[in-house]
Amino acid sequence: MKKYPKISILISSIPVLYLLLLIPLENELSIPEVNDSPFIWNQDRFWESLELKFVSANAEGCDKIKFIVDPLIKDSELLLKEISAGTLDPSDEKFITLENIIFNIAPLIPVCNQYFPDYINFYSNLRKVVKDQSVNWHMNSTEAKNTLYRLLYGNRIAIEEIMLQLPDNQVANLIKGVDELSSTPSAEILGVKVHSGDILVSRGGAPTSALIARGNDYPGNFSHIALVHIDEKTKLISIIESHIERGVTVSSLEEYLNDKKLRFMVIRLRSDLISDNSMLPHQAAEYSLIEAKIKHIPYDFEMNINEYEKQFCSEVASSAYKKFGITLWTGLSTISSKGTRNWLAAFGVQYFETQEPSDLEYDPQISVVAEWRDPETLYKDHLDNAVTDVMLEEADSGKVLYFDWYLLPIGRMMKFYSVILNMFGKEGPVPEGMSAESALKNINYSDTHDQIKSKLIFLADQFKIQKGYKPPYWELVSLARQVRDEVNK
């Protein structure tokens, strides 16, 4: 019988190679302590009271509660006029009154849905008035950040809870904001005139998208930033964005819209900031487009906003505008929770004062032009948020992200294969700049998220059958905690 000694040696070396690939190489990063702390609503009883208010109003019917809704709508309009007439400090009591009006009207609108158009106007006007006031605030102060977050994010919470209780055909998929003046080339996207230099803020459908949106001192709804370029002659729309898998890319509008999104928003630089150079946004977009075409810019997993050789999504916009003297994110994003920092560090993040996509909305230099959402993706967004929030509670209690140790050799082989593909300009199974360990942790994190979410959907459906309405967000969080605890048993 013929022997093949070389093959025998190769086969016998496989266990040795497997053991070598099991050797851990990553050192635990030292995560510095910080004095800041995340924003916490701490209003569980208040949310429950709003739910009871909705249930009671629903039982009474619109005819019996109109006398409550009418004055609240009128009071909201008067208060916005009062606020817009002066220059207020972020601690002004009028903002506390405004917050109370936001939440006290919301439970009544699904019952008297003829008032929904009025509430949409209130929603848009409030955002403009509050952002106009914030021009005079110090945006890195906790007081200014808290007031903006309570009002703008609280405003979004309220309108979305209304939307989820309305029949789908009554939900306004598009809500227009400020049609900020612009001289740059324009084109239409989904019924809205968008200009070159505009910024698209969106939310992806992956578990890690929810983590990006929620893993912040001010948890939000957005996970991705992209910059719009529109050709002056052809009106061709190009979207410049940075993907974890590919780094900075140039996409067509169709490619951008076909990539799964749960919501997105168009924002624009205020025209009064660039009165001496109205084409500045287009110049920034042109610069970004050329940079993306002439060189490969890898994804920045570290989230280091102090250099642009690598760029995560926010840096695509901020680096382009900084080139022309505009510093976006006047209030930098902070990630103070030790647990959240540890989890993000497991995916490669090293900088925790950075530029989170959700926080760009709060920049006083920015006007919100339009926002899109539909009932189906909005509900998915809320489910993902609830799961992520309860998973991050575990991070704060000391749980660490892990992976199945015996998969490490396979992960490293996939990483080696990915490096080879990257050398030829192709994508591999492990993103460029991400370690095999981080990729395996990512897979495990996403699997756990999906496991909790699938059971949460069932419990949420049961809730609706029993109570006759979709669970509001605080109920989704409570149900998600139940599922998480069951999964951990």
Protein backbone atom coordinates (compact mmCIF):
# COMPACT_ATOMS: atom_id res chain seq x y z
CA MET A 1 0.00 0.00 0.00
CA LYS A 2 1.39 3.38 -1.07
CA LYS A 3 2.01 5.89 1.71
CA TYR A 4 1.75 9.69 1.60
CA PRO A 5 4.03 10.93 4.38
CA LYS A 6 3.53 14.64 3.57
CA ILE A 7 -0.25 14.30 3.88
CA SER A 8 0.15 12.35 7.12
CA ILE A 9 2.35 15.09 8.56
CA LEU A 10 -0.16 17.76 7.48
CA ILE A 11 -3.07 15.90 9.09
CA SER A 12 -1.15 15.30 12.29
CA SER A 13 -0.30 19.02 12.50
CA ILE A 14 -3.95 20.15 12.42
CA PRO A 15 -4.52 19.69 16.19
CA VAL A 16 -1.32 21.62 16.89
CA LEU A 17 -2.39 24.46 14.59
CA TYR A 18 -5.83 24.49 16.23
CA LEU A 19 -4.23 24.79 19.69
CA LEU A 20 -1.93 27.57 18.52
CA LEU A 21 -4.91 29.50 17.15
CA LEU A 22 -6.59 29.21 20.54
CA ILE A 23 -3.88 31.28 22.22
CA PRO A 24 -5.41 34.62 23.29
CA LEU A 25 -3.64 37.64 21.87
CA GLU A 26 -5.92 40.48 22.90
CA ASN A 27 -4.99 42.42 26.01
CA GLU A 28 -7.80 43.81 28.10
CA LEU A 29 -8.04 47.55 27.46
CA SER A 30 -7.91 49.82 30.47
CA ILE A 31 -11.12 51.85 30.39
CA PRO A 32 -10.65 55.11 32.33
CA GLU A 33 -13.22 56.18 34.90
CA VAL A 34 -15.25 59.34 34.23
CA ASN A 35 -17.14 61.75 36.45
CA ASP A 36 -20.11 62.20 34.09
CA SER A 37 -23.19 60.01 34.18
CA PRO A 38 -25.81 59.04 31.59
CA PHE A 39 -29.14 60.84 31.43
CA ILE A 40 -31.90 58.91 33.23
CA TRP A 41 -35.58 59.80 32.98
CA ASN A 42 -36.42 58.02 36.25
CA GLN A 43 -40.14 58.55 35.65
CA ASP A 44 -41.61 55.04 35.61
CA ARG A 45 -44.66 56.07 37.61
CA PHE A 46 -45.28 58.98 35.29
CA TRP A 47 -45.16 56.73 32.20
CA GLU A 48 -47.61 54.35 33.88
CA SER A 49 -49.94 57.26 34.65
CA LEU A 50 -49.89 58.27 30.97
CA GLU A 51 -50.84 54.73 29.98
CA LEU A 52 -53.74 54.79 32.46
CA LYS A 53 -54.76 58.17 31.04
CA PHE A 54 -54.86 56.65 27.54
CA VAL A 55 -56.90 53.64 28.72
CA SER A 56 -59.37 55.89 30.54
CA ALA A 57 -59.72 58.27 27.57
CA ASN A 58 -60.21 55.33 25.21
CA ALA A 59 -63.02 54.02 27.38
CA GLU A 60 -64.75 57.41 27.48
CA GLY A 61 -64.40 58.18 23.77
CA CYS A 62 -63.45 61.36 21.97
CA ASP A 63 -66.71 63.24 22.53
CA LYS A 64 -66.17 63.22 26.29
CA ILE A 65 -62.54 64.33 26.28
CA LYS A 66 -62.62 67.03 23.58
CA PHE A 67 -62.95 69.68 26.27
CA ILE A 68 -59.53 68.58 27.59
CA VAL A 69 -57.77 68.30 24.22
CA ASP A 70 -58.86 71.66 22.82
CA PRO A 71 -57.34 73.84 25.57
CA LEU A 72 -54.16 71.75 25.67
CA ILE A 73 -53.63 72.29 21.93
CA LYS A 74 -54.29 76.02 22.30
CA ASP A 75 -52.04 76.29 25.37
CA SER A 76 -49.23 74.56 23.48
CA GLU A 77 -49.45 77.07 20.63
CA LEU A 78 -49.47 80.04 23.01
CA LEU A 79 -46.52 78.70 24.99
CA LEU A 80 -44.43 78.19 21.86
CA LYS A 81 -45.15 81.81 20.86
CA GLU A 82 -44.08 83.02 24.32
CA ILE A 83 -40.85 81.05 24.18
CA SER A 84 -40.01 82.17 20.65
CA ALA A 85 -40.56 85.83 21.64
CA GLY A 86 -37.62 85.90 24.06
CA THR A 87 -34.16 84.53 24.76
CA LEU A 88 -34.38 81.93 27.49
CA ASP A 89 -31.91 80.06 29.64
CA PRO A 90 -32.15 76.23 29.37
CA SER A 91 -33.34 76.11 32.99
CA ASP A 92 -36.34 78.38 32.33
CA GLU A 93 -39.59 77.02 33.80
CA LYS A 94 -41.35 77.49 30.47
CA PHE A 95 -39.44 74.48 29.16
CA ILE A 96 -40.67 72.37 32.07
CA THR A 97 -44.24 73.46 31.27
CA LEU A 98 -43.64 72.64 27.61
CA GLU A 99 -42.43 69.14 28.49
CA ASN A 100 -45.55 68.53 30.59
CA ILE A 101 -47.76 69.62 27.70
CA ILE A 102 -45.94 67.25 25.31
CA PHE A 103 -46.71 64.23 27.44
CA ASN A 104 -50.15 65.22 28.68
CA ILE A 105 -51.56 65.71 25.18
CA ALA A 106 -50.06 62.53 23.70
CA PRO A 107 -52.29 59.88 25.40
CA LEU A 108 -55.43 61.69 24.21
CA ILE A 109 -54.59 62.06 20.49
CA PRO A 110 -55.07 58.37 19.52
CA VAL A 111 -58.59 58.62 20.95
CA CYS A 112 -59.32 61.94 19.22
CA ASN A 113 -57.27 61.31 16.11
CA GLN A 114 -58.75 64.28 14.26
CA TYR A 115 -56.28 66.31 16.33
CA PHE A 116 -53.28 64.37 14.98
CA PRO A 117 -52.49 66.96 12.23
CA ASP A 118 -52.48 69.63 14.97
CA TYR A 119 -50.08 67.54 17.01
CA ILE A 120 -47.79 67.10 13.99
CA ASN A 121 -47.67 70.90 13.66
CA PHE A 122 -46.93 71.17 17.37
CA TYR A 123 -44.18 68.55 17.00
CA SER A 124 -42.46 70.41 14.15
CA ASN A 125 -42.93 73.89 15.63
CA LEU A 126 -41.61 72.79 19.02
CA ARG A 127 -38.44 71.41 17.47
CA LYS A 128 -37.80 74.65 15.58
CA VAL A 129 -38.52 76.91 18.56
CA VAL A 130 -36.34 74.91 20.95
CA LYS A 131 -33.46 74.67 18.48
CA ASP A 132 -33.66 78.42 17.85
CA GLN A 133 -33.34 78.98 21.60
CA SER A 134 -30.38 76.62 21.85
CA VAL A 135 -28.31 78.88 19.57
CA ASN A 136 -27.55 80.92 22.70
CA TRP A 137 -26.72 77.95 24.95
CA HIS A 138 -23.37 76.43 25.85
CA MET A 139 -23.83 73.06 24.17
CA ASN A 140 -21.33 71.11 26.26
CA SER A 141 -23.12 72.01 29.49
CA THR A 142 -25.19 69.29 31.14
CA GLU A 143 -28.08 71.71 31.64
CA ALA A 144 -28.33 72.56 27.93
CA LYS A 145 -27.96 68.91 26.88
CA ASN A 146 -30.63 67.75 29.33
CA THR A 147 -33.14 70.41 28.27
CA LEU A 148 -32.64 69.72 24.56
CA TYR A 149 -32.88 65.98 25.08
CA ARG A 150 -35.97 66.14 27.26
CA LEU A 151 -37.78 68.34 24.77
CA LEU A 152 -36.59 67.04 21.37
CA TYR A 153 -36.26 63.37 22.20
CA GLY A 154 -39.31 63.56 24.49
CA ASN A 155 -41.22 65.16 21.63
CA ARG A 156 -40.26 62.21 19.40
CA ILE A 157 -41.23 59.68 22.08
CA ALA A 158 -44.67 61.25 22.36
CA ILE A 159 -45.50 61.42 18.65
CA GLU A 160 -44.27 57.89 18.05
CA GLU A 161 -46.40 56.47 20.86
CA ILE A 162 -49.35 58.20 19.20
CA MET A 163 -48.42 56.73 15.81
CA LEU A 164 -48.20 53.20 17.16
CA GLN A 165 -51.74 53.41 18.55
CA LEU A 166 -53.26 54.84 15.35
CA PRO A 167 -54.45 52.76 12.39
CA ASP A 168 -51.57 52.40 9.91
CA ASN A 169 -53.38 54.40 7.21
CA GLN A 170 -53.55 57.43 9.52
CA VAL A 171 -49.84 57.59 10.25
CA ALA A 172 -47.93 60.37 8.51
CA ASN A 173 -44.85 58.64 7.04
CA LEU A 174 -43.26 62.00 6.22
CA ILE A 175 -43.13 64.92 8.63
CA LYS A 176 -41.57 68.06 7.19
CA GLY A 177 -39.53 70.41 9.31
CA VAL A 178 -37.70 73.61 8.37
CA ASP A 179 -37.16 74.22 4.66
CA GLU A 180 -33.80 75.85 5.34
CA LEU A 181 -32.70 78.07 2.45
CA SER A 182 -29.91 76.65 0.30
CA SER A 183 -28.18 77.71 -2.93
CA THR A 184 -26.56 74.35 -3.58
CA PRO A 185 -27.68 71.92 -6.33
CA SER A 186 -30.87 70.09 -5.42
CA ALA A 187 -32.89 67.03 -6.32
CA GLU A 188 -35.95 65.29 -4.93
CA ILE A 189 -35.81 62.35 -2.52
CA LEU A 190 -39.13 60.77 -1.54
CA GLY A 191 -41.07 63.97 -2.12
CA VAL A 192 -38.62 66.34 -0.42
CA LYS A 193 -36.17 68.72 -2.09
CA VAL A 194 -32.72 67.75 -0.83
CA HIS A 195 -29.60 69.85 -1.42
CA SER A 196 -25.96 68.97 -1.95
CA GLY A 197 -24.27 69.03 1.44
CA ASP A 198 -27.37 67.84 3.30
CA ILE A 199 -26.82 65.10 5.85
CA LEU A 200 -28.91 61.94 6.08
CA VAL A 201 -29.32 60.49 9.56
CA SER A 202 -30.76 56.97 9.64
CA ARG A 203 -31.27 53.84 11.68
CA GLY A 204 -30.16 50.43 10.46
CA GLY A 205 -31.92 47.16 11.20
CA ALA A 206 -29.01 45.22 12.75
CA PRO A 207 -28.68 44.66 16.53
CA THR A 208 -25.43 46.63 16.50
CA SER A 209 -27.31 49.56 14.92
CA ALA A 210 -29.53 49.65 17.98
CA LEU A 211 -26.44 49.47 20.19
CA ILE A 212 -24.93 52.50 18.44
CA ALA A 213 -28.21 54.42 18.86
CA ARG A 214 -28.71 53.48 22.52
CA GLY A 215 -25.13 53.15 23.81
CA ASN A 216 -24.80 56.81 24.63
CA ASP A 217 -25.33 59.15 27.61
CA TYR A 218 -28.42 60.35 25.71
CA PRO A 219 -29.93 57.21 24.09
CA GLY A 220 -31.39 58.02 20.70
CA ASN A 221 -32.99 56.59 17.57
CA PHE A 222 -30.29 56.95 14.93
CA SER A 223 -27.19 54.91 14.13
CA HIS A 224 -25.82 56.15 10.80
CA ILE A 225 -24.74 59.35 9.06
CA ALA A 226 -24.33 59.92 5.31
CA LEU A 227 -23.48 62.99 3.23
CA VAL A 228 -25.39 63.94 0.07
CA HIS A 229 -23.64 65.16 -3.08
CA ILE A 230 -25.67 66.38 -6.07
CA ASP A 231 -23.92 67.08 -9.35
CA GLU A 232 -24.47 70.65 -10.56
CA LYS A 233 -24.99 69.63 -14.21
CA THR A 234 -26.46 66.13 -14.20
CA LYS A 235 -28.31 66.32 -10.83
CA LEU A 236 -26.91 62.85 -10.08
CA ILE A 237 -27.29 62.05 -6.39
CA SER A 238 -24.31 60.39 -4.67
CA ILE A 239 -24.34 59.28 -1.05
CA ILE A 240 -20.99 59.26 0.75
CA GLU A 241 -21.01 57.05 3.84
CA SER A 242 -18.78 54.76 5.87
CA HIS A 243 -19.74 51.12 6.41
CA ILE A 244 -18.25 48.76 8.97
CA GLU A 245 -17.72 46.20 6.21
CA ARG A 246 -16.22 48.48 3.54
CA GLY A 247 -15.07 51.77 5.00
CA VAL A 248 -15.99 54.96 3.13
CA THR A 249 -18.00 54.34 -0.03
CA VAL A 250 -19.98 56.23 -2.65
CA SER A 251 -23.50 54.85 -3.15
CA SER A 252 -26.30 55.70 -5.52
CA LEU A 253 -29.59 56.87 -4.04
CA GLU A 254 -31.14 53.50 -4.93
CA GLU A 255 -28.37 51.62 -3.11
CA TYR A 256 -28.76 53.86 -0.08
CA LEU A 257 -32.54 53.41 0.11
CA ASN A 258 -32.34 49.65 -0.53
CA ASP A 259 -30.03 49.18 2.45
CA LYS A 260 -32.38 48.32 5.32
CA LYS A 261 -33.41 51.38 7.33
CA LEU A 262 -35.98 51.68 10.09
CA ARG A 263 -36.15 55.50 9.81
CA PHE A 264 -34.21 58.40 8.38
CA MET A 265 -34.03 62.15 8.54
CA VAL A 266 -32.62 64.98 6.40
CA ILE A 267 -30.77 67.78 8.18
CA ARG A 268 -29.14 70.91 6.78
CA LEU A 269 -26.65 73.53 7.91
CA ARG A 270 -28.35 76.82 8.82
CA SER A 271 -28.07 79.30 5.96
CA ASP A 272 -27.22 82.28 8.21
CA LEU A 273 -23.96 80.57 9.21
CA ILE A 274 -22.67 80.61 5.63
CA SER A 275 -24.09 83.87 4.24
CA ASP A 276 -20.64 84.78 2.89
CA ASN A 277 -20.29 81.43 1.06
CA SER A 278 -23.66 79.87 0.29
CA MET A 279 -22.02 77.06 -1.70
CA LEU A 280 -20.00 75.80 1.28
CA PRO A 281 -22.17 72.66 1.88
CA HIS A 282 -21.75 71.64 -1.76
CA GLN A 283 -18.01 72.25 -1.55
CA ALA A 284 -17.84 70.03 1.55
CA ALA A 285 -19.78 67.28 -0.23
CA GLU A 286 -17.59 67.63 -3.33
CA TYR A 287 -14.45 67.31 -1.22
CA SER A 288 -15.82 64.20 0.51
CA LEU A 289 -16.83 62.63 -2.80
CA ILE A 290 -13.39 63.14 -4.34
CA GLU A 291 -11.63 61.80 -1.24
CA ALA A 292 -13.79 58.68 -1.27
CA LYS A 293 -13.07 58.07 -4.95
CA ILE A 294 -9.31 58.60 -4.98
CA LYS A 295 -8.34 56.59 -1.91
CA HIS A 296 -9.48 53.83 0.38
CA ILE A 297 -10.56 55.14 3.78
CA PRO A 298 -11.02 52.27 6.28
CA TYR A 299 -13.73 52.23 8.94
CA ASP A 300 -12.70 53.78 12.26
CA PHE A 301 -13.69 51.28 14.94
CA GLU A 302 -11.89 53.36 17.59
CA MET A 303 -14.26 56.33 16.98
CA ASN A 304 -11.32 58.71 17.12
CA ILE A 305 -12.55 62.11 15.90
CA ASN A 306 -9.07 63.65 16.13
CA GLU A 307 -7.79 62.06 12.90
CA TYR A 308 -9.44 61.19 9.58
CA GLU A 309 -7.20 58.53 8.05
CA LYS A 310 -9.91 56.13 9.15
CA GLN A 311 -13.53 57.30 9.42
CA PHE A 312 -16.68 56.01 11.04
CA CYS A 313 -19.94 57.30 9.61
CA SER A 314 -20.15 60.58 11.55
CA GLU A 315 -16.62 61.54 10.53
CA VAL A 316 -17.59 61.49 6.85
CA ALA A 317 -19.75 64.57 7.46
CA SER A 318 -17.70 66.22 10.18
CA SER A 319 -14.36 65.91 8.35
CA ALA A 320 -15.83 67.37 5.15
CA TYR A 321 -17.38 70.37 6.90
CA LYS A 322 -14.33 70.93 9.11
CA LYS A 323 -12.26 71.32 5.93
CA PHE A 324 -14.33 74.45 5.25
CA GLY A 325 -14.35 75.85 8.78
CA ILE A 326 -17.57 74.35 10.19
CA THR A 327 -17.29 72.19 13.32
CA LEU A 328 -20.31 69.93 13.64
CA TRP A 329 -21.42 68.36 16.94
CA THR A 330 -20.97 71.52 19.00
CA GLY A 331 -22.07 69.36 21.92
CA LEU A 332 -19.82 66.31 21.80
CA SER A 333 -21.30 62.90 22.55
CA THR A 334 -20.22 61.25 25.77
CA ILE A 335 -20.40 57.62 26.86
CA SER A 336 -20.03 57.54 30.65
CA SER A 337 -21.54 54.22 31.70
CA LYS A 338 -18.70 51.85 32.58
CA GLY A 339 -20.65 48.83 31.35
CA THR A 340 -21.47 50.41 28.00
CA ARG A 341 -17.87 51.55 27.59
CA ASN A 342 -16.64 48.01 28.26
CA TRP A 343 -19.02 46.51 25.71
CA LEU A 344 -18.16 49.06 23.04
CA ALA A 345 -14.46 48.55 23.77
CA ALA A 346 -15.01 44.86 23.03
CA PHE A 347 -15.94 45.92 19.48
CA GLY A 348 -12.88 48.15 19.13
CA VAL A 349 -14.07 51.55 20.46
CA GLN A 350 -11.35 53.44 22.34
CA TYR A 351 -12.69 57.00 22.36
CA PHE A 352 -15.78 57.77 24.43
CA GLU A 353 -16.06 61.50 23.80
CA THR A 354 -16.99 61.41 20.17
CA GLN A 355 -19.72 62.12 17.57
CA GLU A 356 -22.75 59.85 17.90
CA PRO A 357 -25.22 59.97 14.96
CA SER A 358 -28.26 60.66 17.18
CA ASP A 359 -26.69 63.71 18.78
CA LEU A 360 -26.19 65.71 15.59
CA GLU A 361 -29.89 66.61 15.69
CA TYR A 362 -29.26 68.66 18.84
CA ASP A 363 -26.56 70.81 17.22
CA PRO A 364 -27.93 74.41 17.02
CA GLN A 365 -26.16 74.82 13.66
CA ILE A 366 -28.47 72.21 12.13
CA SER A 367 -32.09 72.43 10.91
CA VAL A 368 -34.23 69.32 10.55
CA VAL A 369 -35.70 69.39 7.04
CA ALA A 370 -37.77 66.20 7.05
CA GLU A 371 -38.17 62.87 8.81
CA TRP A 372 -39.52 59.57 7.49
CA ARG A 373 -40.88 56.58 9.40
CA ASP A 374 -43.65 54.05 8.80
CA PRO A 375 -45.65 51.99 11.32
CA GLU A 376 -43.94 48.66 10.58
CA THR A 377 -40.34 49.83 10.80
CA LEU A 378 -41.17 52.18 13.68
CA TYR A 379 -42.39 49.24 15.75
CA LYS A 380 -39.26 47.24 14.85
CA ASP A 381 -37.17 50.21 15.97
CA HIS A 382 -38.93 50.25 19.35
CA LEU A 383 -38.53 46.50 19.80
CA ASP A 384 -34.80 46.70 19.04
CA ASN A 385 -34.42 49.64 21.43
CA ALA A 386 -36.16 47.81 24.26
CA VAL A 387 -33.99 44.72 23.83
CA THR A 388 -30.83 46.82 23.66
CA ASP A 389 -31.75 48.85 26.74
CA VAL A 390 -32.25 45.75 28.89
CA MET A 391 -29.06 44.17 27.55
CA LEU A 392 -27.14 47.34 28.47
CA GLU A 393 -28.59 47.07 31.98
CA GLU A 394 -26.63 43.82 32.22
CA ALA A 395 -23.51 45.62 31.04
CA ASP A 396 -23.94 48.09 33.88
CA SER A 397 -24.28 45.24 36.35
CA GLY A 398 -20.90 43.87 35.26
CA LYS A 399 -21.71 41.32 32.57
CA VAL A 400 -19.01 41.06 29.91
CA LEU A 401 -19.35 40.18 26.25
CA TYR A 402 -17.96 36.77 25.41
CA PHE A 403 -17.67 34.26 22.58
CA ASP A 404 -17.42 30.48 22.41
CA TRP A 405 -13.69 29.90 22.91
CA TYR A 406 -13.56 26.85 20.64
CA LEU A 407 -14.61 29.03 17.67
CA LEU A 408 -11.54 31.28 17.96
CA PRO A 409 -9.35 29.27 15.52
CA ILE A 410 -12.14 29.38 12.92
CA GLY A 411 -12.56 33.11 13.52
CA ARG A 412 -8.87 33.70 13.05
CA MET A 413 -8.79 31.71 9.85
CA MET A 414 -11.72 33.81 8.60
CA LYS A 415 -9.81 36.95 9.60
CA PHE A 416 -6.72 35.79 7.67
CA TYR A 417 -8.92 35.07 4.64
CA SER A 418 -10.51 38.53 5.00
CA VAL A 419 -7.09 40.23 5.10
CA ILE A 420 -6.19 38.56 1.80
CA LEU A 421 -9.46 39.71 0.23
CA ASN A 422 -8.96 43.25 1.59
CA MET A 423 -5.56 43.40 -0.14
CA PHE A 424 -7.40 43.00 -3.46
CA GLY A 425 -10.08 45.55 -2.58
CA LYS A 426 -12.73 43.00 -1.63
CA GLU A 427 -14.80 42.42 1.49
CA GLY A 428 -14.19 39.46 3.76
CA PRO A 429 -16.35 37.80 6.42
CA VAL A 430 -14.49 39.76 9.14
CA PRO A 431 -14.52 43.54 8.52
CA GLU A 432 -11.23 45.33 7.92
CA GLY A 433 -9.93 46.69 11.21
CA MET A 434 -11.98 44.28 13.35
CA SER A 435 -10.26 41.45 15.20
CA ALA A 436 -11.46 37.86 15.10
CA GLU A 437 -12.30 38.12 18.80
CA SER A 438 -14.44 41.21 18.27
CA ALA A 439 -16.19 39.59 15.32
CA LEU A 440 -17.07 36.52 17.41
CA LYS A 441 -18.34 38.74 20.25
CA ASN A 442 -20.43 40.62 17.69
CA ILE A 443 -22.00 37.37 16.47
CA ASN A 444 -22.77 36.27 20.03
CA TYR A 445 -24.20 39.68 20.94
CA SER A 446 -26.44 39.69 17.86
CA ASP A 447 -27.63 36.13 18.50
CA THR A 448 -28.58 37.00 22.09
CA HIS A 449 -30.36 40.16 20.90
CA ASP A 450 -32.36 38.20 18.31
CA GLN A 451 -33.23 35.50 20.84
CA ILE A 452 -34.67 38.06 23.27
CA LYS A 453 -36.41 39.97 20.47
CA SER A 454 -38.21 36.90 19.06
CA LYS A 455 -39.71 36.12 22.47
CA LEU A 456 -40.46 39.78 23.10
CA ILE A 457 -42.51 39.94 19.89
CA PHE A 458 -44.63 37.04 21.14
CA LEU A 459 -45.21 38.69 24.55
CA ALA A 460 -45.99 42.03 22.89
CA ASP A 461 -48.57 40.34 20.66
CA GLN A 462 -50.12 38.71 23.74
CA PHE A 463 -50.20 42.11 25.46
CA LYS A 464 -52.12 43.59 22.53
CA ILE A 465 -54.62 40.70 22.48
CA GLN A 466 -55.26 41.05 26.21
CA LYS A 467 -55.39 44.86 26.48
CA GLY A 468 -56.47 45.93 23.01
CA TYR A 469 -53.54 48.24 22.26
CA LYS A 470 -49.84 47.92 21.42
CA PRO A 471 -47.55 48.02 24.43
CA PRO A 472 -46.00 51.49 24.85
CA TYR A 473 -42.23 51.65 25.11
CA TRP A 474 -42.00 51.32 28.90
CA GLU A 475 -44.11 48.17 28.69
CA LEU A 476 -41.84 46.79 25.95
CA VAL A 477 -38.85 47.36 28.24
CA SER A 478 -40.61 45.58 31.10
CA LEU A 479 -41.47 42.62 28.86
CA ALA A 480 -37.92 42.56 27.47
CA ARG A 481 -36.57 42.31 31.03
CA GLN A 482 -38.75 39.26 31.63
CA VAL A 483 -37.42 37.60 28.48
CA ARG A 484 -33.81 38.51 29.26
CA ASP A 485 -34.06 36.99 32.72
CA GLU A 486 -35.58 33.81 31.30
CA VAL A 487 -32.81 33.56 28.68
CA ASN A 488 -30.17 33.94 31.39
CA LYS A 489 -31.53 31.10 33.55
